[in-house]
Amino acid sequence: MTRLHFYFHDIVDGKNPTAMQIIRPPNKSAGSFGMTFMVDDPLTEKPEPTSKLVGRAQGIYAFASQQDIGLLMVMNFAFSEGIYNGSALSILGRNAVLNTVREMPIVGGSGIFRFARGYALAKTVWFNQNGDAVVEYNVSVVHY
């Protein structure tokens, strides 16, 4: 079992956003439902944005619930440091962002993480009114 700990920086505002809205709901009555973002978010060792970069979260998240704030996460964690350099983990699952801790499945991987399966626990450590967030990830995977 491999355990990883890192921070995900999702920046939707400012001059250098790392998440960009690519689909808007067709009408305002839908609320956030259907809103979709493409991301290339930094993954760091610590919560500070200046902390050492260990990889990038690359993929899509979309507002997939009409009743609450539930995101569909389709994302790769592409690592760029140490023994994990060039390897990636893939997440496909629901992120109930208002829950204190969210669990999402790891459904695969590449490189050192070939045939990976496991789970990621996500906890928001910082969030602002613009939608920018820093999320702590604790990931546990088994792989070859």
Protein backbone atom coordinates (compact mmCIF):
# COMPACT_ATOMS: atom_id res chain seq x y z
CA MET A 1 0.00 0.00 0.00
CA THR A 2 1.29 3.44 -0.96
CA ARG A 3 0.11 6.51 0.94
CA LEU A 4 0.46 9.99 -0.50
CA HIS A 5 -0.22 13.38 1.04
CA PHE A 6 -0.37 16.63 -0.92
CA TYR A 7 -2.37 19.82 -1.47
CA PHE A 8 -4.50 20.70 -4.50
CA HIS A 9 -4.70 24.41 -5.44
CA ASP A 10 -7.81 25.25 -7.48
CA ILE A 11 -7.66 28.87 -8.66
CA VAL A 12 -10.65 30.09 -10.70
CA ASP A 13 -10.04 33.82 -10.26
CA GLY A 14 -7.25 36.33 -10.93
CA LYS A 15 -4.70 36.71 -13.69
CA ASN A 16 -3.39 33.10 -13.61
CA PRO A 17 -6.38 30.78 -13.07
CA THR A 18 -5.70 27.04 -12.98
CA ALA A 19 -9.36 26.11 -13.45
CA MET A 20 -11.46 27.48 -16.30
CA GLN A 21 -15.19 27.18 -16.85
CA ILE A 22 -15.78 25.50 -20.22
CA ILE A 23 -19.55 24.83 -20.06
CA ARG A 24 -22.25 27.08 -18.62
CA PRO A 25 -25.80 25.93 -17.84
CA PRO A 26 -28.18 26.88 -20.68
CA ASN A 27 -30.39 28.93 -18.35
CA LYS A 28 -30.19 30.47 -14.90
CA SER A 29 -32.97 28.26 -13.53
CA ALA A 30 -30.53 25.31 -13.55
CA GLY A 31 -28.33 27.00 -10.91
CA SER A 32 -24.86 25.43 -10.98
CA PHE A 33 -26.09 22.13 -12.42
CA GLY A 34 -24.12 21.35 -15.59
CA MET A 35 -21.36 23.91 -14.99
CA THR A 36 -18.07 22.29 -16.05
CA PHE A 37 -14.45 23.27 -15.45
CA MET A 38 -11.18 22.16 -17.08
CA VAL A 39 -8.29 22.14 -14.61
CA ASP A 40 -4.52 22.09 -14.51
CA ASP A 41 -4.07 22.64 -10.78
CA PRO A 42 -0.75 22.52 -8.93
CA LEU A 43 -0.20 19.80 -6.33
CA THR A 44 2.17 20.86 -3.56
CA GLU A 45 3.80 19.39 -0.44
CA LYS A 46 2.24 21.99 1.88
CA PRO A 47 -0.87 24.21 1.74
CA GLU A 48 1.05 27.37 0.80
CA PRO A 49 1.06 28.13 -2.96
CA THR A 50 4.84 28.65 -2.79
CA SER A 51 5.40 25.14 -1.38
CA LYS A 52 7.33 22.59 -3.45
CA LEU A 53 5.42 21.46 -6.55
CA VAL A 54 4.99 17.67 -6.67
CA GLY A 55 2.63 17.38 -9.65
CA ARG A 56 -0.49 18.64 -11.41
CA ALA A 57 -4.17 17.72 -11.18
CA GLN A 58 -5.36 17.66 -14.78
CA GLY A 59 -8.89 16.93 -15.92
CA ILE A 60 -12.47 18.02 -15.51
CA TYR A 61 -14.94 18.59 -12.72
CA ALA A 62 -18.61 19.29 -13.26
CA PHE A 63 -21.57 20.20 -11.05
CA ALA A 64 -23.56 16.98 -11.38
CA SER A 65 -26.24 17.34 -8.70
CA GLN A 66 -29.46 19.35 -8.79
CA GLN A 67 -30.08 18.96 -5.03
CA ASP A 68 -26.70 19.76 -3.46
CA ILE A 69 -23.14 20.64 -4.45
CA GLY A 70 -21.89 17.33 -5.82
CA LEU A 71 -19.10 17.36 -8.36
CA LEU A 72 -18.24 14.66 -10.88
CA MET A 73 -14.43 14.41 -10.77
CA VAL A 74 -12.63 13.04 -13.85
CA MET A 75 -9.02 13.78 -13.09
CA ASN A 76 -5.42 12.61 -13.27
CA PHE A 77 -2.89 13.41 -10.59
CA ALA A 78 0.30 13.61 -12.70
CA PHE A 79 3.37 13.52 -10.45
CA SER A 80 6.65 15.27 -11.27
CA GLU A 81 8.89 14.62 -8.27
CA GLY A 82 10.93 11.81 -6.78
CA ILE A 83 10.16 8.16 -7.48
CA TYR A 84 6.66 9.11 -8.70
CA ASN A 85 7.99 11.43 -11.45
CA GLY A 86 6.19 10.58 -14.71
CA SER A 87 3.51 8.49 -12.98
CA ALA A 88 -0.17 9.33 -12.55
CA LEU A 89 -3.26 8.31 -10.60
CA SER A 90 -6.79 8.57 -12.02
CA ILE A 91 -9.89 9.61 -10.05
CA LEU A 92 -13.42 9.07 -11.28
CA GLY A 93 -16.15 9.77 -8.74
CA ARG A 94 -18.38 12.06 -6.72
CA ASN A 95 -17.01 14.92 -4.64
CA ALA A 96 -19.62 16.16 -2.14
CA VAL A 97 -17.74 19.41 -1.54
CA LEU A 98 -19.79 20.56 1.47
CA ASN A 99 -18.82 17.46 3.46
CA THR A 100 -15.84 18.00 5.75
CA VAL A 101 -14.04 14.94 4.34
CA ARG A 102 -14.89 13.44 0.97
CA GLU A 103 -13.88 9.99 -0.31
CA MET A 104 -13.31 9.40 -4.02
CA PRO A 105 -12.18 6.27 -5.82
CA ILE A 106 -8.80 5.84 -7.48
CA VAL A 107 -9.69 3.79 -10.57
CA GLY A 108 -6.29 3.38 -12.21
CA GLY A 109 -2.88 4.77 -12.86
CA SER A 110 0.23 4.71 -15.00
CA GLY A 111 3.97 4.35 -14.49
CA ILE A 112 4.72 3.17 -10.97
CA PHE A 113 0.96 3.26 -10.34
CA ARG A 114 0.06 0.78 -13.09
CA PHE A 115 -3.11 -1.16 -12.13
CA ALA A 116 -3.68 1.18 -9.17
CA ARG A 117 -6.84 1.05 -7.14
CA GLY A 118 -7.67 2.78 -3.90
CA TYR A 119 -9.21 5.92 -2.53
CA ALA A 120 -8.53 9.60 -1.98
CA LEU A 121 -9.72 11.53 1.06
CA ALA A 122 -10.14 15.26 0.39
CA LYS A 123 -10.54 18.02 2.97
CA THR A 124 -10.87 21.71 2.11
CA VAL A 125 -8.36 23.75 4.12
CA TRP A 126 -9.01 27.15 2.52
CA PHE A 127 -11.77 28.60 0.35
CA ASN A 128 -12.64 32.17 -0.69
CA GLN A 129 -15.75 33.89 -2.04
CA ASN A 130 -14.37 33.77 -5.62
CA GLY A 131 -14.30 29.96 -5.56
CA ASP A 132 -10.53 29.53 -5.13
CA ALA A 133 -9.66 26.63 -2.84
CA VAL A 134 -6.82 24.64 -1.32
CA VAL A 135 -7.72 21.02 -0.65
CA GLU A 136 -5.69 18.52 1.37
CA TYR A 137 -5.50 15.03 -0.17
CA ASN A 138 -4.61 11.79 1.59
CA VAL A 139 -4.42 9.01 -0.99
CA SER A 140 -4.08 5.27 -0.36
CA VAL A 141 -3.44 2.96 -3.33
CA VAL A 142 -2.35 -0.55 -4.08
CA HIS A 143 -0.48 -1.11 -7.35
CA TYR A 144 2.16 -3.28 -8.99
